[in-house]
C-alpha atoms as a PDB file:
ATOM      1  CA  MET A   1      97.808  80.851  89.738  1.00  0.00           C
ATOM      2  CA  ASN A   2      99.413  83.250  92.192  1.00  0.00           C
ATOM      3  CA  TRP A   3     101.411  86.122  90.788  1.00  0.00           C
ATOM      4  CA  ILE A   4     104.456  87.275  92.751  1.00  0.00           C
ATOM      5  CA  PHE A   5     104.687  90.881  91.488  1.00  0.00           C
ATOM      6  CA  GLU A   6     108.463  90.937  92.018  1.00  0.00           C
ATOM      7  CA  ASN A   7     108.838  93.989  89.770  1.00  0.00           C
ATOM      8  CA  PHE A   8     106.732  95.964  92.228  1.00  0.00           C
ATOM      9  CA  LYS A   9     108.586  94.994  95.391  1.00  0.00           C
ATOM     10  CA  PRO A  10     109.534  98.607  96.291  1.00  0.00           C
ATOM     11  CA  ALA A  11     105.879  99.672  96.186  1.00  0.00           C
ATOM     12  CA  LEU A  12     104.880  96.730  98.366  1.00  0.00           C
ATOM     13  CA  ASP A  13     107.759  97.078 100.835  1.00  0.00           C
ATOM     14  CA  GLY A  14     106.383 100.382 102.088  1.00  0.00           C
ATOM     15  CA  LEU A  15     103.149  98.739 103.230  1.00  0.00           C
ATOM     16  CA  THR A  16     102.397  97.151 106.575  1.00  0.00           C
ATOM     17  CA  PRO A  17     102.360  93.351 106.479  1.00  0.00           C
ATOM     18  CA  GLN A  18      98.541  93.242 106.701  1.00  0.00           C
ATOM     19  CA  VAL A  19      98.051  95.748 103.897  1.00  0.00           C
ATOM     20  CA  ARG A  20     100.734  94.095 101.749  1.00  0.00           C
ATOM     21  CA  GLN A  21      99.042  90.687 102.104  1.00  0.00           C
ATOM     22  CA  LYS A  22      95.630  92.146 101.262  1.00  0.00           C
ATOM     23  CA  ALA A  23      97.089  94.015  98.266  1.00  0.00           C
ATOM     24  CA  LEU A  24      98.602  90.785  96.931  1.00  0.00           C
ATOM     25  CA  GLU A  25      95.279  88.989  97.378  1.00  0.00           C
ATOM     26  CA  ILE A  26      93.443  91.737  95.499  1.00  0.00           C
ATOM     27  CA  ALA A  27      96.082  91.926  92.764  1.00  0.00           C
ATOM     28  CA  ASN A  28      95.910  88.176  92.244  1.00  0.00           C
ATOM     29  CA  GLN A  29      92.115  88.383  91.936  1.00  0.00           C
ATOM     30  CA  LEU A  30      92.432  91.170  89.373  1.00  0.00           C
ATOM     31  CA  MET A  31      94.963  89.189  87.347  1.00  0.00           C
ATOM     32  CA  GLU A  32      92.732  86.099  87.406  1.00  0.00           C
ATOM     33  CA  GLN A  33      89.853  88.185  86.047  1.00  0.00           C
ATOM     34  CA  GLY A  34      92.101  89.250  83.183  1.00  0.00           C
ATOM     35  CA  GLY A  35      92.059  92.409  81.129  1.00  0.00           C
ATOM     36  CA  THR A  36      94.615  94.281  83.209  1.00  0.00           C
ATOM     37  CA  SER A  37      98.378  94.522  83.363  1.00  0.00           C
ATOM     38  CA  GLU A  38     100.408  93.596  86.436  1.00  0.00           C
ATOM     39  CA  GLU A  39     101.243  97.270  86.938  1.00  0.00           C
ATOM     40  CA  LYS A  40      97.621  98.394  86.939  1.00  0.00           C
ATOM     41  CA  ALA A  41      96.562  95.435  89.062  1.00  0.00           C
ATOM     42  CA  ILE A  42      99.130  96.175  91.772  1.00  0.00           C
ATOM     43  CA  GLN A  43      98.383  99.912  91.738  1.00  0.00           C
ATOM     44  CA  GLN A  44      94.659  99.313  92.126  1.00  0.00           C
ATOM     45  CA  ALA A  45      95.254  96.606  94.716  1.00  0.00           C
ATOM     46  CA  ILE A  46      97.378  98.914  96.876  1.00  0.00           C
ATOM     47  CA  VAL A  47      94.664 101.580  96.827  1.00  0.00           C
ATOM     48  CA  GLU A  48      91.960  99.044  97.692  1.00  0.00           C
ATOM     49  CA  ALA A  49      94.075  97.428 100.419  1.00  0.00           C
ATOM     50  CA  ASP A  50      94.726 100.834 102.005  1.00  0.00           C
ATOM     51  CA  GLU A  51      90.984 101.558 101.945  1.00  0.00           C
ATOM     52  CA  TRP A  52      90.283  98.125 103.424  1.00  0.00           C
ATOM     53  CA  PHE A  53      92.763  98.780 106.226  1.00  0.00           C
ATOM     54  CA  TYR A  54      91.319 102.187 107.114  1.00  0.00           C
ATOM     55  CA  ASP A  55      87.748 100.885 106.892  1.00  0.00           C
ATOM     56  CA  SER A  56      88.666  98.121 109.333  1.00  0.00           C
ATOM     57  CA  ASP A  57      89.780 100.726 111.907  1.00  0.00           C
ATOM     58  CA  GLY A  58      93.439  99.879 111.307  1.00  0.00           C
END
C-alpha cells in the first residue's frame, strides 16, 4: 500500500522533486514496517532523503 501523506504536503512542497520522491519512498517503507505514525514517518523520511541527496553529491 502506498500512503499519500496529504496532510504533510507543505513539508514536502519545500523539497526538490528528487528529494520529495525519495522521502515518499522512505516514508512508505516506514509505514509498511509499522510501529510509527504518519507524522513521524514523514519527518524521519525527510531527514533521510536530505542525507541521501547530500551523500549522492546533489
